[in-house]
Amino acid sequence: VMPLHGLASDIERRTPLLARRNGSLLAAQLRTLIAGAPATKGEAPVPKTARMVFLVGHDTNLANLGGMLGLRWRLPGQPDATAPDTALAFEVWRQADGARIVRVRLFYQTLDELRDAAISAWGEPETTLPTGACAQGCGVAAFGRNIARAIDRRCVGN
């Protein structure tokens, strides 16, 4: 049954039209956070001094963002690509030359860790996801443009 569940999830959550409709508001918030810009209409206000922000969602939200941004992943040992306790992290790193890049990483626990209530807290395993042509990360401006292209403006109110 899991292969059929995976296929249905892909169609319902990652198909570009559906992903854009359902994920655009979250993607707009993400773009604002990564750029360090002030929140716009419909977005949660976040203090400029915040060094870490958690957006809590569901497997549907992860799949929508993946579909919008062309992110694909498979979790070894997991029958579901967005298994329980999966976290999608958008990290902004400052390089030695001062340039800021965005890396996208996925953290998850194995089924055994979930069953045993292991305390790994997403310590391992994890995987870095390539974002378009940027295998090791994209500049903040380029990443922002990628998100902006994926957003359906009719869904964000601006």
Protein backbone atom coordinates (compact mmCIF):
# COMPACT_ATOMS: atom_id res chain seq x y z
CA VAL A 1 0.00 0.00 0.00
CA MET A 2 2.88 2.42 0.73
CA PRO A 3 3.93 2.78 -2.93
CA LEU A 4 0.35 3.84 -3.76
CA HIS A 5 0.32 6.20 -0.79
CA GLY A 6 3.58 7.74 -2.01
CA LEU A 7 2.25 8.18 -5.53
CA ALA A 8 -0.99 9.75 -4.29
CA SER A 9 0.95 12.11 -2.01
CA ASP A 10 3.21 13.16 -4.89
CA ILE A 11 0.21 13.92 -7.12
CA GLU A 12 -1.79 15.75 -4.42
CA ARG A 13 1.05 17.70 -2.80
CA ARG A 14 3.97 18.07 -5.22
CA THR A 15 2.22 18.67 -8.56
CA PRO A 16 3.38 22.22 -9.41
CA LEU A 17 -0.09 23.79 -9.71
CA LEU A 18 -1.32 22.29 -6.43
CA ALA A 19 1.97 22.89 -4.60
CA ARG A 20 1.91 26.58 -5.65
CA ARG A 21 -1.71 27.02 -4.57
CA ASN A 22 -1.15 25.40 -1.19
CA GLY A 23 2.42 26.46 -0.43
CA SER A 24 2.72 30.04 -1.68
CA LEU A 25 1.97 31.80 1.61
CA LEU A 26 4.52 29.68 3.46
CA ALA A 27 7.06 30.17 0.65
CA ALA A 28 6.52 33.95 0.80
CA GLN A 29 7.18 33.91 4.55
CA LEU A 30 10.31 31.85 3.97
CA ARG A 31 11.56 34.28 1.30
CA THR A 32 11.02 37.22 3.67
CA LEU A 33 12.84 35.48 6.52
CA ILE A 34 15.84 34.50 4.40
CA ALA A 35 16.14 38.00 2.93
CA GLY A 36 15.89 39.56 6.39
CA ALA A 37 13.12 41.83 5.08
CA PRO A 38 10.14 43.14 7.05
CA ALA A 39 7.00 41.01 6.97
CA THR A 40 4.36 41.90 4.40
CA LYS A 41 0.58 41.44 4.51
CA GLY A 42 -0.36 37.96 5.72
CA GLU A 43 3.11 37.09 7.04
CA ALA A 44 4.05 36.62 10.68
CA PRO A 45 6.17 39.48 12.03
CA VAL A 46 9.61 38.25 13.11
CA PRO A 47 12.07 40.48 15.01
CA LYS A 48 15.13 41.46 12.94
CA THR A 49 17.30 40.20 15.80
CA ALA A 50 15.97 36.63 15.52
CA ARG A 51 18.82 34.23 14.80
CA MET A 52 16.62 31.15 14.41
CA VAL A 53 12.99 30.83 13.37
CA PHE A 54 10.90 27.67 13.46
CA LEU A 55 7.88 27.35 11.22
CA VAL A 56 5.85 24.36 12.35
CA GLY A 57 3.85 22.52 9.74
CA HIS A 58 2.87 19.12 8.47
CA ASP A 59 4.07 16.65 5.86
CA THR A 60 1.83 18.42 3.36
CA ASN A 61 3.76 21.67 3.91
CA LEU A 62 7.09 19.92 3.33
CA ALA A 63 5.81 18.31 0.14
CA ASN A 64 4.34 21.62 -1.12
CA LEU A 65 7.66 23.44 -0.62
CA GLY A 66 9.52 20.54 -2.22
CA GLY A 67 7.23 20.63 -5.24
CA MET A 68 7.50 24.40 -5.57
CA LEU A 69 11.28 24.56 -5.27
CA GLY A 70 12.17 21.35 -7.12
CA LEU A 71 13.47 19.63 -3.99
CA ARG A 72 13.33 15.82 -4.03
CA TRP A 73 14.37 13.39 -1.34
CA ARG A 74 14.04 9.78 -0.28
CA LEU A 75 14.63 8.74 3.30
CA PRO A 76 16.60 5.49 3.63
CA GLY A 77 14.74 3.08 5.85
CA GLN A 78 11.51 5.10 5.68
CA PRO A 79 8.51 4.05 3.60
CA ASP A 80 7.29 7.67 3.34
CA ALA A 81 9.22 10.67 1.94
CA THR A 82 7.69 12.93 4.59
CA ALA A 83 7.70 10.56 7.50
CA PRO A 84 6.87 11.62 11.07
CA ASP A 85 9.51 13.83 12.68
CA THR A 86 10.93 15.08 9.37
CA ALA A 87 12.22 18.66 9.35
CA LEU A 88 13.14 20.78 6.34
CA ALA A 89 15.78 23.37 7.27
CA PHE A 90 16.64 26.46 5.25
CA GLU A 91 19.98 27.61 6.65
CA VAL A 92 21.64 30.94 5.86
CA TRP A 93 25.43 30.70 6.13
CA ARG A 94 27.94 33.54 5.97
CA GLN A 95 31.07 32.58 4.04
CA ALA A 96 34.58 33.84 4.78
CA ASP A 97 34.23 36.56 2.12
CA GLY A 98 30.99 37.80 3.74
CA ALA A 99 28.68 36.36 1.09
CA ARG A 100 25.53 34.72 2.45
CA ILE A 101 24.35 31.42 1.01
CA VAL A 102 21.28 29.27 1.63
CA ARG A 103 21.61 25.54 2.20
CA VAL A 104 18.58 23.29 2.39
CA ARG A 105 18.84 20.27 4.65
CA LEU A 106 16.43 17.57 5.66
CA PHE A 107 16.54 16.00 9.13
CA TYR A 108 14.68 12.85 10.08
CA GLN A 109 14.73 9.86 12.38
CA THR A 110 14.75 6.23 11.38
CA LEU A 111 11.77 4.01 12.16
CA ASP A 112 13.74 2.31 14.93
CA GLU A 113 14.56 5.67 16.53
CA LEU A 114 10.90 6.65 16.39
CA ARG A 115 9.74 3.34 17.85
CA ASP A 116 12.35 3.43 20.62
CA ALA A 117 11.73 7.12 21.37
CA ALA A 118 15.45 7.69 20.82
CA ILE A 119 16.82 11.06 21.86
CA SER A 120 18.67 11.80 18.61
CA ALA A 121 16.68 15.04 18.13
CA TRP A 122 17.44 14.98 14.43
CA GLY A 123 21.17 14.66 15.10
CA GLU A 124 21.47 12.00 12.41
CA PRO A 125 20.64 11.08 9.77
CA GLU A 126 20.40 14.16 7.63
CA THR A 127 20.91 15.06 4.02
CA THR A 128 21.73 18.27 2.16
CA LEU A 129 19.38 18.90 -0.74
CA PRO A 130 20.58 20.54 -3.94
CA THR A 131 18.56 23.64 -4.84
CA GLY A 132 18.35 23.88 -8.60
CA ALA A 133 21.81 24.41 -10.04
CA CYS A 134 23.36 25.10 -6.63
CA ALA A 135 24.64 21.82 -5.22
CA GLN A 136 26.42 23.39 -2.23
CA GLY A 137 24.03 26.30 -1.68
CA CYS A 138 22.71 29.36 -3.47
CA GLY A 139 23.31 33.00 -2.75
CA VAL A 140 20.51 34.61 -0.72
CA ALA A 141 19.43 36.82 -3.65
CA ALA A 142 19.37 33.90 -6.12
CA PHE A 143 17.45 31.74 -3.67
CA GLY A 144 14.96 34.57 -3.11
CA ARG A 145 14.43 34.87 -6.89
CA ASN A 146 13.85 31.10 -7.12
CA ILE A 147 11.20 31.30 -4.40
CA ALA A 148 9.60 34.41 -5.94
CA ARG A 149 9.22 32.61 -9.29
CA ALA A 150 7.52 29.68 -7.54
CA ILE A 151 4.98 31.77 -5.61
CA ASP A 152 1.45 32.24 -6.93
CA ARG A 153 0.80 35.94 -6.17
CA ARG A 154 -2.96 35.33 -6.08
CA CYS A 155 -2.43 33.18 -2.98
CA VAL A 156 -0.44 35.64 -0.88
CA GLY A 157 -2.51 38.81 -1.07
CA ASN A 158 0.21 41.13 -2.41
